Protein backbone atom coordinates (compact mmCIF):
# COMPACT_ATOMS: atom_id res chain seq x y z
CA MET A 1 -0.03 -0.01 0.05
CA LYS A 2 2.79 2.35 0.89
CA LYS A 3 4.39 1.65 -2.37
CA ILE A 4 1.34 2.44 -4.34
CA ILE A 5 0.91 5.83 -2.45
CA PHE A 6 4.65 6.71 -3.11
CA ILE A 7 4.16 5.95 -6.90
CA PHE A 8 0.98 7.99 -6.93
CA LEU A 9 2.77 11.06 -5.38
CA SER A 10 5.62 10.75 -7.81
CA PHE A 11 3.19 10.66 -10.71
CA ILE A 12 1.41 13.85 -9.41
CA VAL A 13 4.97 15.59 -9.06
CA ALA A 14 5.91 14.50 -12.66
CA VAL A 15 2.52 15.91 -14.07
CA SER A 16 3.05 19.14 -12.05
CA THR A 17 6.56 19.36 -13.20
CA VAL A 18 5.55 19.45 -16.91
CA ASN A 19 3.14 22.27 -16.22
CA ALA A 20 5.53 24.28 -13.95
CA GLN A 21 8.36 24.15 -16.54
CA LYS A 22 6.56 26.49 -18.80
CA GLY A 23 7.03 29.64 -16.81
CA ILE A 24 10.68 29.18 -15.41
CA ASN A 25 13.47 31.35 -16.61
CA PHE A 26 16.43 29.02 -17.07
CA ASN A 27 18.76 31.80 -18.27
CA HIS A 28 18.86 33.36 -14.71
CA ILE A 29 20.52 30.91 -12.28
CA TYR A 30 20.68 31.46 -8.57
CA ALA A 31 23.00 29.76 -6.02
CA ALA A 32 20.80 27.63 -3.49
CA GLY A 33 23.44 26.55 -1.16
CA GLY A 34 26.15 23.83 -1.14
CA LYS A 35 26.22 22.20 -4.65
CA LEU A 36 22.73 23.33 -5.55
CA LEU A 37 21.54 25.90 -8.09
CA MET A 38 17.96 26.98 -8.76
CA CYS A 39 15.78 28.70 -11.31
CA VAL A 40 12.48 30.53 -10.70
CA ASP A 41 9.63 32.05 -12.56
CA SER A 42 10.61 34.76 -14.94
CA SER A 43 8.20 37.11 -13.23
CA ALA A 44 9.27 36.48 -9.61
CA LYS A 45 10.68 39.31 -7.51
CA ASN A 46 12.13 39.41 -3.96
CA VAL A 47 14.28 36.20 -4.38
CA PHE A 48 16.30 35.88 -1.19
CA TYR A 49 18.66 33.03 -1.97
CA ALA A 50 21.23 30.86 -0.13
CA ILE A 51 21.03 32.57 3.19
CA GLY A 52 23.61 31.06 5.54
CA PHE A 53 23.54 30.81 9.34
CA PRO A 54 26.55 30.81 11.83
CA ASN A 55 24.88 28.29 14.04
CA GLN A 56 23.98 25.93 11.13
CA PRO A 57 27.11 25.76 8.96
CA ARG A 58 25.75 23.18 6.54
CA THR A 59 22.16 24.71 6.23
CA THR A 60 20.88 27.34 3.78
CA LEU A 61 17.50 28.91 3.27
CA SER A 62 16.11 30.45 0.25
CA TYR A 63 13.00 32.68 0.83
CA LEU A 64 10.87 32.92 -2.23
CA PRO A 65 7.64 34.69 -1.35
CA GLU A 66 6.57 35.32 -5.02
CA VAL A 67 7.77 32.07 -6.61
CA ASN A 68 5.27 29.61 -8.20
CA ASN A 69 7.61 27.18 -9.83
CA LEU A 70 11.07 26.17 -8.95
CA SER A 71 13.75 24.10 -10.69
CA ILE A 72 16.62 22.66 -8.57
CA SER A 73 19.86 21.28 -10.05
CA ILE A 74 23.12 20.03 -8.52
CA ASN A 75 26.57 20.56 -9.71
CA PHE A 76 29.66 18.34 -9.07
CA ARG A 77 33.37 19.17 -9.68
CA LYS A 78 35.18 16.67 -12.00
CA ASN A 79 37.19 15.25 -9.05
CA ILE A 80 34.12 14.16 -6.98
CA ASN A 81 32.87 10.56 -6.98
CA ILE A 82 29.31 11.27 -7.92
CA ARG A 83 28.10 7.68 -7.55
CA HIS A 84 28.58 7.95 -3.78
CA TYR A 85 26.08 10.79 -3.43
CA ARG A 86 22.40 10.40 -2.19
CA TYR A 87 19.67 12.89 -2.04
CA THR A 88 16.24 13.32 -0.42
CA ILE A 89 13.57 15.78 -1.17
CA LEU A 90 10.72 16.71 1.23
CA ILE A 91 7.70 18.82 0.51
CA ASP A 92 6.15 20.17 3.67
CA SER A 93 8.13 17.59 5.73
CA LYS A 94 6.81 14.70 3.53
CA PRO A 95 9.42 12.78 1.45
CA ILE A 96 8.87 12.46 -2.31
CA VAL A 97 12.44 11.24 -3.00
CA LEU A 98 14.27 9.30 -0.43
CA ASN A 99 18.01 8.44 -0.42
CA LYS A 100 18.12 8.44 -4.25
CA PRO A 101 21.43 8.11 -6.05
CA ILE A 102 22.37 10.60 -8.69
CA ASP A 103 21.19 9.50 -12.16
CA MET A 104 24.57 9.25 -14.07
CA THR A 105 22.87 9.18 -17.39
CA GLN A 106 21.34 12.68 -16.92
CA LEU A 107 24.75 14.33 -16.12
CA LYS A 108 25.77 17.15 -18.45
CA ASP A 109 28.94 19.19 -18.59
CA THR A 110 28.07 22.94 -17.58
CA HIS A 111 29.66 26.17 -16.53
CA ALA A 112 28.05 27.11 -13.22
CA GLY A 113 26.78 30.55 -13.58
CA GLY A 114 29.24 31.34 -16.45
CA ASP A 115 32.27 30.11 -14.43
CA GLU A 116 35.20 28.87 -16.69
CA GLU A 117 35.42 25.69 -14.51
CA ILE A 118 33.44 22.76 -16.08
CA PHE A 119 31.00 20.94 -13.74
CA SER A 120 28.92 17.86 -14.06
CA SER A 121 25.26 18.82 -13.55
CA THR A 122 21.86 17.43 -13.41
CA THR A 123 18.42 18.45 -12.55
CA LEU A 124 16.79 17.11 -9.36
CA GLY A 125 13.37 18.20 -10.20
CA ILE A 126 11.00 21.00 -11.17
CA PHE A 127 8.39 21.81 -8.62
CA PRO A 128 5.19 23.87 -8.16
CA VAL A 129 5.98 25.45 -4.76
CA LYS A 130 3.48 28.19 -3.93
CA GLY A 131 2.70 27.96 -0.30
CA LYS A 132 5.03 25.10 0.35
CA ILE A 133 8.38 24.28 1.90
CA ILE A 134 10.72 22.28 -0.25
CA THR A 135 13.71 20.65 1.73
CA THR A 136 16.63 18.87 0.05
CA LEU A 137 19.15 16.67 2.10
CA ILE A 138 22.33 15.75 0.17
CA TYR A 139 25.20 13.47 1.52
CA SER A 140 27.98 11.19 0.36
CA ILE A 141 27.99 7.60 1.64
CA ASP A 142 31.67 8.31 2.40
CA LYS A 143 30.65 10.81 5.02
CA PRO A 144 26.95 10.20 5.82
CA GLN A 145 27.14 12.48 8.91
CA ASP A 146 27.82 15.66 6.72
CA ILE A 147 24.39 16.43 5.35
CA ASP A 148 23.91 19.54 3.26
CA LYS A 149 20.47 20.91 3.96
CA ALA A 150 18.71 23.43 1.65
CA VAL A 151 15.33 24.85 2.50
CA PHE A 152 13.14 26.69 -0.08
CA TYR A 153 10.70 28.55 1.85
CA VAL A 154 7.72 29.72 -0.41
CA LYS A 155 5.17 30.74 2.31
CA PRO A 156 4.89 33.70 4.66
CA ILE A 157 7.52 33.51 7.47
CA PRO A 158 5.76 33.12 10.88
CA ARG A 159 6.21 35.88 13.32
CA ALA A 160 8.09 34.47 16.44
CA LYS A 161 6.00 34.32 19.61
CA ILE A 162 7.40 34.84 23.16
CA LEU A 163 5.66 32.33 25.36
CA SER A 164 7.27 33.13 28.73
CA PHE A 165 10.17 34.73 30.74
CA ARG A 166 12.12 32.98 33.45
CA LYS A 167 14.22 34.57 36.26
CA ARG A 168 17.05 32.75 37.88
CA PHE A 169 18.05 33.28 41.44
CA LYS A 170 20.55 31.93 43.93
CA THR A 171 19.53 29.66 46.81
CA ASN A 172 21.45 27.77 49.57
CA GLN A 173 20.99 24.63 47.50
CA GLY A 174 22.18 26.26 44.19
CA VAL A 175 19.65 28.05 41.94
CA ASP A 176 15.87 28.23 41.39
CA TYR A 177 13.60 29.90 38.97
CA LYS A 178 10.55 32.27 38.95
CA TRP A 179 8.28 32.09 35.80
CA ILE A 180 6.36 35.00 34.06
CA THR A 181 3.70 33.57 31.75
CA ASP A 182 1.28 36.31 31.49
CA ILE A 183 2.80 37.95 28.35
CA LYS A 184 1.45 41.29 27.11
CA ASP A 185 2.86 43.99 24.90
CA ARG A 186 4.70 45.30 27.88
CA THR A 187 6.07 43.22 30.67
CA ARG A 188 7.33 44.59 33.99
CA ILE A 189 10.20 42.67 35.42
CA ALA A 190 11.98 43.54 38.78
CA LEU A 191 15.51 42.10 39.13
CA THR A 192 16.78 41.71 42.63
CA GLU A 193 20.36 41.39 43.80
CA LYS A 194 20.07 37.56 43.95
CA GLU A 195 18.47 37.32 40.49
CA ASP A 196 21.32 37.08 37.87
CA GLU A 197 19.79 35.76 34.71
CA LEU A 198 16.73 36.20 32.60
CA THR A 199 15.54 33.65 30.05
CA ILE A 200 13.35 34.34 26.94
CA VAL A 201 11.28 31.36 25.81
CA LYS A 202 10.02 31.27 22.09
CA ASP A 203 7.51 29.02 20.41
CA LYS A 204 9.13 26.22 18.37
CA SER A 205 9.21 26.09 14.67
CA ASP A 206 11.03 24.31 11.86
CA ILE A 207 13.13 27.29 11.05
CA ASP A 208 14.19 28.51 14.59
CA TYR A 209 17.64 29.00 13.25
CA LEU A 210 16.41 31.65 10.90
CA TYR A 211 15.63 34.01 13.74
CA TYR A 212 18.00 36.16 15.76
CA THR A 213 17.30 38.17 18.98
CA SER A 214 18.51 41.47 19.92
CA ILE A 215 17.70 43.80 22.82
CA LYS A 216 17.64 47.66 22.48
CA ASP A 217 17.88 50.27 25.21
CA LYS A 218 14.84 52.50 24.35
CA LYS A 219 16.43 55.48 26.04
CA THR A 220 19.76 55.48 24.09
CA ASN A 221 18.38 53.62 21.11
CA LYS A 222 21.49 51.26 21.27
CA ILE A 223 21.57 47.53 20.80
CA ILE A 224 22.87 46.05 24.16
CA PHE A 225 22.43 42.27 23.36
CA LYS A 226 22.42 40.11 20.25
CA SER A 227 22.26 36.30 19.73
CA THR A 228 21.84 34.19 16.66
CA THR A 229 21.57 30.79 18.61
CA TRP A 230 18.81 29.19 20.71
CA ASP A 231 19.12 26.65 23.58
CA TYR A 232 17.09 23.43 23.57
CA GLY A 233 16.52 20.82 26.19
CA GLY A 234 16.25 22.99 29.25
CA ILE A 235 12.60 23.84 28.81
CA ILE A 236 9.99 21.30 27.74
CA SER A 237 6.45 22.23 26.38
CA GLU A 238 3.18 20.49 27.41
CA ASP A 239 3.56 18.45 24.23
CA HIS A 240 6.96 17.24 25.58
CA GLU A 241 8.90 19.16 23.02
CA ALA A 242 12.09 21.09 23.78
CA LEU A 243 11.35 24.87 23.33
CA PRO A 244 13.98 27.30 22.04
CA SER A 245 15.20 29.75 24.65
CA ILE A 246 18.06 32.33 25.22
CA ASN A 247 19.66 32.97 28.55
CA ILE A 248 20.42 36.69 29.18
CA ASP A 249 22.95 37.99 31.93
CA LYS A 250 21.27 40.51 34.08
CA ASN A 251 24.39 42.67 33.79
CA ILE A 252 23.43 43.81 30.23
CA PHE A 253 20.75 45.94 31.97
CA LYS A 254 22.85 48.88 33.32
CA LYS A 255 19.81 50.94 34.54
CA SER A 256 16.16 50.68 35.22
CA GLY A 257 14.10 51.66 32.27
CA GLU A 258 12.41 50.38 29.10
CA TYR A 259 14.11 47.86 26.78
CA GLU A 260 12.80 46.32 23.55
CA ILE A 261 13.17 42.66 22.70
CA ILE A 262 13.32 42.29 18.79
CA ILE A 263 13.13 38.75 17.21
CA GLN A 264 13.39 38.76 13.59
CA PRO A 265 14.48 36.61 10.47
CA SER A 266 18.23 36.77 9.43
CA ILE A 267 17.30 38.27 6.10
CA LYS A 268 18.81 41.20 4.48
CA TRP A 269 15.75 42.65 2.81
CA THR A 270 17.67 44.69 0.41
CA ASN A 271 20.06 41.88 -0.66
CA CYS A 272 18.19 40.50 -3.64
CA LEU A 273 17.49 41.10 -7.24
CA ASP A 274 14.36 43.23 -8.15
CA CYS A 275 13.77 43.89 -4.39
CA ASP A 276 10.48 45.91 -3.80
CA ILE A 277 9.43 44.66 -0.36
CA SER A 278 8.74 47.75 1.90
CA PRO A 279 9.80 48.16 5.54
CA LYS A 280 6.18 48.10 6.43
CA GLU A 281 5.81 44.54 4.88
CA THR A 282 8.95 43.30 6.66
CA GLU A 283 7.62 44.57 10.01
CA LYS A 284 4.94 41.86 9.90
CA TYR A 285 7.80 39.28 10.32
CA ILE A 286 9.29 41.00 13.35
CA THR A 287 8.35 40.43 16.92
CA ARG A 288 8.76 43.43 19.33
CA HIS A 289 8.17 43.29 23.01
CA THR A 290 8.79 45.94 25.61
CA LEU A 291 10.42 45.08 28.88
CA VAL A 292 10.15 47.48 31.70
CA ILE A 293 13.14 46.57 33.97
CA THR A 294 13.52 47.63 37.51
CA LEU A 295 17.03 46.96 39.04
CA ALA A 296 17.79 46.77 42.76
CA GLU A 297 21.28 47.87 41.94
CA GLU A 298 22.20 50.00 38.90
CA SER A 299 25.48 50.02 37.18
CA TYR A 300 26.99 52.82 35.08
CA THR A 301 29.00 52.69 31.85
CA LYS A 302 32.51 54.11 31.77
CA LYS A 303 31.22 57.04 29.63
CA GLU A 304 28.56 57.76 32.30
CA LEU A 305 31.09 57.52 35.20
CA TYR A 306 33.48 59.89 33.34
CA SER A 307 30.52 62.25 32.72
CA TYR A 308 29.55 62.27 36.41
CA ALA A 309 33.14 62.53 37.47
CA LEU A 310 33.62 65.38 35.01
CA MET A 311 30.59 67.19 36.50
CA ALA A 312 31.66 66.53 40.08
CA ALA A 313 35.10 67.89 39.21
CA PHE A 314 33.61 70.91 37.52
CA VAL A 315 31.49 71.78 40.61
CA ILE A 316 34.39 71.20 42.91
CA GLY A 317 36.58 73.21 40.72
CA LEU A 318 34.06 76.07 40.57
CA ASN A 319 33.70 76.09 44.30
CA PHE A 320 37.43 75.97 44.71
CA LEU A 321 37.82 78.89 42.41
CA LEU A 322 35.22 80.91 44.27
CA ILE A 323 36.87 80.19 47.53
CA LEU A 324 40.22 80.88 46.08
CA HIS A 325 38.99 84.20 44.68
CA ALA A 326 37.48 85.12 48.10
CA ILE A 327 40.67 84.27 49.88
CA LYS A 328 42.77 86.16 47.34
CA LYS A 329 40.50 89.20 47.67
CA ARG A 330 40.59 89.02 51.49
CA ASN A 331 44.42 88.58 51.54
CA LYS A 332 45.21 91.02 48.82
CA LYS A 333 45.64 93.93 51.16
CA LYS A 334 47.74 91.71 53.51
CA VAL A 335 50.03 90.52 50.61
CA VAL A 336 50.43 94.28 49.49
CA GLU A 337 51.38 95.15 53.05
CA GLN A 338 53.84 92.28 53.20
CA GLU A 339 55.51 93.18 49.96
CA GLN A 340 55.69 96.89 51.20
CA GLN A 341 57.42 95.62 54.36
CA LYS A 342 59.77 93.47 52.33
CA ASN A 343 60.73 96.22 50.02
CA THR A 344 61.10 98.62 53.13
CA ALA A 345 63.37 96.04 54.70
CA LYS A 346 65.36 95.78 51.44
CA LEU A 347 65.70 99.54 51.35
CA GLN A 348 66.86 99.54 54.94
CA LEU A 349 69.33 96.76 54.15
CA ASN A 350 70.91 98.79 51.30
CA SER A 351 71.13 101.67 53.67
CA ILE A 352 73.08 99.58 56.11
CA ARG A 353 75.30 98.35 53.42
CA ALA A 354 75.79 101.89 52.28
CA GLN A 355 76.97 102.76 55.77
CA LEU A 356 79.26 99.73 56.04
CA ASN A 357 81.21 100.56 52.76
CA PRO A 358 82.38 104.06 54.05
CA HIS A 359 83.04 102.58 57.44
CA PHE A 360 85.24 99.86 55.84
CA LEU A 361 86.85 102.34 53.51
CA PHE A 362 87.64 104.81 56.39
CA ASN A 363 89.25 102.09 58.34
CA ALA A 364 91.25 100.86 55.32
CA LEU A 365 92.57 104.42 54.59
CA SER A 366 93.53 104.71 58.30
CA GLY A 367 95.63 101.55 57.94
CA ILE A 368 97.40 103.01 54.84
CA GLN A 369 98.04 106.23 56.73
CA ASN A 370 99.48 104.23 59.73
CA LEU A 371 101.90 102.45 57.50
CA MET A 372 102.96 105.61 55.83
CA ASN A 373 103.61 107.22 59.22
CA LYS A 374 105.79 104.38 60.17
CA ASN A 375 107.71 104.93 56.95
CA GLU A 376 106.83 101.34 55.80
CA ILE A 377 106.56 102.42 52.15
CA ASP A 378 106.73 98.83 50.69
CA ASN A 379 104.02 97.61 52.97
CA ALA A 380 101.90 100.70 52.20
CA ASN A 381 102.15 99.96 48.49
CA LYS A 382 101.21 96.37 48.98
CA TYR A 383 98.38 97.36 51.29
CA LEU A 384 97.09 99.88 48.56
CA SER A 385 97.26 97.18 45.88
CA LYS A 386 95.21 94.87 47.98
CA PHE A 387 92.91 97.73 49.00
CA ALA A 388 92.25 98.53 45.26
CA ARG A 389 90.91 95.11 44.45
CA LEU A 390 88.95 94.89 47.73
CA THR A 391 87.34 98.28 47.06
CA ARG A 392 86.14 97.11 43.67
CA ASN A 393 84.48 94.00 45.43
CA VAL A 394 82.97 96.02 48.29
CA LEU A 395 81.50 98.70 46.08
CA ASP A 396 79.98 96.09 43.76
CA ASP A 397 76.20 96.35 44.34
CA LYS A 398 75.37 92.68 44.45
CA GLU A 399 72.90 91.40 47.03
CA LEU A 400 74.29 87.76 47.00
CA ILE A 401 77.78 86.55 46.27
CA SER A 402 79.24 83.02 46.34
CA LEU A 403 81.09 81.73 49.27
CA SER A 404 84.22 81.48 46.98
CA GLN A 405 83.90 85.35 46.37
CA GLU A 406 83.39 85.96 50.07
CA LYS A 407 86.58 83.92 50.85
CA THR A 408 88.46 86.05 48.22
CA LEU A 409 87.25 89.17 49.74
CA LEU A 410 88.25 88.00 53.28
CA ASP A 411 91.68 86.76 52.01
CA ASP A 412 92.30 90.31 50.51
CA TYR A 413 91.28 92.04 53.68
CA LEU A 414 93.16 89.82 56.12
CA GLN A 415 96.35 89.86 53.99
CA MET A 416 96.10 93.76 53.83
CA GLU A 417 95.69 93.87 57.67
CA GLN A 418 98.47 91.43 58.14
CA LEU A 419 100.91 94.15 56.62
CA ARG A 420 99.80 96.34 59.65
CA PHE A 421 99.67 93.80 62.50
CA GLY A 422 101.57 90.62 61.43
CA PHE A 423 98.96 88.23 62.83
CA LYS A 424 98.16 84.68 61.31
CA TYR A 425 94.90 83.49 59.93
CA GLU A 426 93.23 80.43 58.32
CA ILE A 427 90.09 80.04 56.28
CA ASN A 428 88.83 76.46 56.47
CA ARG A 429 85.70 74.81 55.00
CA SER A 430 83.76 71.29 54.92
CA GLU A 431 84.92 69.06 52.16
CA ASN A 432 81.26 68.52 51.14
CA LEU A 433 80.68 72.22 50.68
CA ASP A 434 80.83 73.62 47.11
CA LEU A 435 81.83 77.19 47.61
CA ASP A 436 81.19 78.24 43.96
CA ASN A 437 77.49 77.25 44.11
CA VAL A 438 76.44 78.43 47.64
CA GLU A 439 75.58 82.07 47.90
CA ILE A 440 75.31 84.46 50.88
CA PRO A 441 74.61 88.10 51.36
CA SER A 442 77.62 90.09 50.32
CA MET A 443 79.97 91.45 52.97
CA LEU A 444 78.12 89.26 55.54
CA LEU A 445 81.32 88.28 57.48
CA GLN A 446 83.69 91.14 56.83
CA PRO A 447 82.37 93.32 59.69
CA PHE A 448 82.90 90.58 62.19
CA VAL A 449 86.37 89.76 60.77
CA GLU A 450 87.24 93.56 60.93
CA ASN A 451 86.09 93.57 64.56
CA ALA A 452 88.14 90.57 65.32
CA VAL A 453 91.23 92.39 63.87
CA LYS A 454 90.64 95.73 65.38
CA HIS A 455 89.34 94.75 68.89
CA GLY A 456 90.65 91.22 69.18
CA ILE A 457 94.26 90.56 67.97
CA SER A 458 95.52 94.07 66.90
CA LYS A 459 97.81 94.37 69.97
CA LYS A 460 99.16 90.67 69.94
CA ALA A 461 101.21 91.28 66.67
CA THR A 462 102.58 88.06 65.36
CA ASN A 463 100.99 86.01 68.28
CA GLY A 464 97.50 86.89 67.10
CA LYS A 465 95.50 84.34 65.20
CA ILE A 466 92.14 84.44 63.45
CA VAL A 467 90.41 81.13 62.15
CA ILE A 468 87.51 81.35 59.85
CA THR A 469 85.46 78.25 58.98
CA PHE A 470 82.60 77.46 56.59
CA THR A 471 80.79 74.29 57.77
CA LYS A 472 77.85 72.27 56.41
CA GLN A 473 75.58 70.93 59.09
CA ALA A 474 72.77 68.88 57.49
CA ASN A 475 70.94 71.60 55.62
CA ASP A 476 72.34 74.50 57.66
CA LEU A 477 75.28 76.58 56.74
CA VAL A 478 77.35 77.53 59.80
CA LEU A 479 80.00 80.36 59.40
CA THR A 480 82.39 80.86 62.46
CA ILE A 481 85.08 83.50 63.17
CA SER A 482 87.42 82.81 66.14
CA ASP A 483 90.33 84.94 67.53
CA ASN A 484 92.68 84.54 70.45
CA GLY A 485 92.35 88.16 71.56
CA ASN A 486 91.24 89.36 74.95
CA GLY A 487 87.51 89.10 74.24
CA PHE A 488 84.94 91.88 74.90
CA ASP A 489 81.72 92.40 77.01
CA THR A 490 78.64 91.67 74.79
CA GLU A 491 76.46 93.89 76.99
CA LYS A 492 78.32 97.02 76.11
CA LYS A 493 77.21 98.99 73.04
CA ASN A 494 80.63 100.34 72.16
CA ASN A 495 82.07 97.47 70.33
CA GLY A 496 82.35 99.23 66.89
CA LEU A 497 79.93 100.68 64.39
CA GLY A 498 80.51 97.74 61.97
CA LEU A 499 79.17 95.19 64.56
CA GLN A 500 76.20 97.18 65.38
CA LEU A 501 75.35 97.65 61.66
CA SER A 502 75.86 93.89 61.03
CA ALA A 503 73.44 93.03 63.92
CA SER A 504 70.82 95.37 62.42
CA ARG A 505 71.48 93.77 58.99
CA ILE A 506 70.81 90.32 60.25
CA ALA A 507 67.54 91.42 61.80
CA LEU A 508 66.46 92.84 58.35
CA LEU A 509 67.72 89.69 56.58
CA ASN A 510 65.38 87.59 58.82
CA SER A 511 62.47 89.77 57.86
CA ILE A 512 63.15 89.03 54.12
CA TYR A 513 64.33 85.37 54.24
CA LYS A 514 61.66 84.08 56.73
CA GLU A 515 62.01 80.52 55.92
CA ASN A 516 65.84 80.70 56.41
CA ARG A 517 66.66 82.28 59.85
CA PHE A 518 70.04 83.86 60.39
CA THR A 519 71.12 83.18 63.98
CA LEU A 520 74.02 85.06 65.45
CA ALA A 521 75.96 83.88 68.50
CA ILE A 522 78.80 85.70 70.13
CA GLN A 523 80.92 83.77 72.61
CA PRO A 524 83.64 85.99 74.29
CA SER A 525 86.13 84.88 76.76
CA THR A 526 89.48 85.80 78.27
CA ASN A 527 91.22 83.47 75.63
CA GLY A 528 89.43 85.07 72.69
CA THR A 529 86.16 85.56 70.93
CA LYS A 530 83.95 83.07 68.81
CA ILE A 531 81.31 84.43 66.53
CA SER A 532 79.00 81.86 64.95
CA LEU A 533 76.45 82.85 62.24
CA THR A 534 73.90 80.03 61.31
CA LEU A 535 71.91 80.14 58.09
CA THR A 536 69.03 77.74 58.70
CA ASP A 537 68.02 75.37 55.82
CA TRP A 538 70.21 77.43 53.51
CA LEU A 539 71.73 74.46 51.66
């Protein structure tokens, strides 16, 4: 009985083939997937042929909404063993050809679509296909597991239907699920901290692989999720069939708001010959569903975090500028006053230096006069030579000079005074002190050295001795002048104009260099006097 029915179906197909062949344009050949080619009605438009799928590598689908008649042929390269190939043809899931070998007597040499390579080709059949689904299965008996499937879909593509949503949440035993089955155009879903996954369940069809799913953030109009695959086996229908589903990580939803689920065929509606299908027509194949998501915890994108950080920085910066402006305005008068005080101190300092210079010159000229009165003409000439160079340095109007220059000035002065009194002197320094790169106020030590000569060792002649030391102590610069004279009483005010002017000068220097205190210490004794001048944090 089955054999009779099969022969009857084959006869009907044969009769239909004769009728169908009349309207087919065999000059226009389309790829149909794998080794297959097809020809369709000459008047047919919107022929979407050989659509491939990343999740179904050996499956193709041709969507032919306006085709009435279809011719399917197969091409083989010359190096292929055609005798090993078998094919099956189904119409609406019913087989009309089953595991049939290729008819070697019907093979012809062809150029596939005008290609220069020569193929062996034969027609598998011509079919009236309006409102039907034709499926071909082709394989080689050498690799029966590698089946090339081509589907010719000649009926409206059904719109996918969302059956339910499922939320997964953590429990002490693992995970559990909450179902949402009351599906409307808009579904409200609240996702708690424990809920980490949302599942979309779709109705089952023979062409599930054709559909892909995307989710769009309706606020930003950006696609935040896309999938071309469906999971099977985890969810079973009432008819005991595995339903297609997609699992979505909760973390794709960054904020509470509206999101749109879009399930649509993987067809490029403009990728065909004579395409005239409108967006309005393609919309009937697309499923759109609005999700209103409420998150217990919201996350932010890097761009949003940068925006908020920039806004916060702007507000903080603006407040800072306002406060800074207020402080500057409030302290402006104070700063002006401090600057005036500093300028006044500098003027007073220059005034003291102006007094020190004539004082020094007067004492020097007195020395020359003293030598001439003693008739020590040679010493007076030497004294005058030293005095000339010393005068140039003294009268130089520099606020700061290097320690090296200060040492030269002291050498000239002490050598000049040696001609009068015959004393000895030393100028020592720390090995780790760079005299050329450390500066101090000019003529800082000269008045103290002059005082040591005049009031300390002038009466001791060759027994007199002066020792000057430049010492580095951490970040401090310590300058000491020691003599072996008779000392003097620090309480008395008649120790020389130079010493008094120097004390006043140090007080003014402290008002200018407030971060670097100048500390003067005088230690007189019957065996001599030691003067220490410490420049704090000078180095």
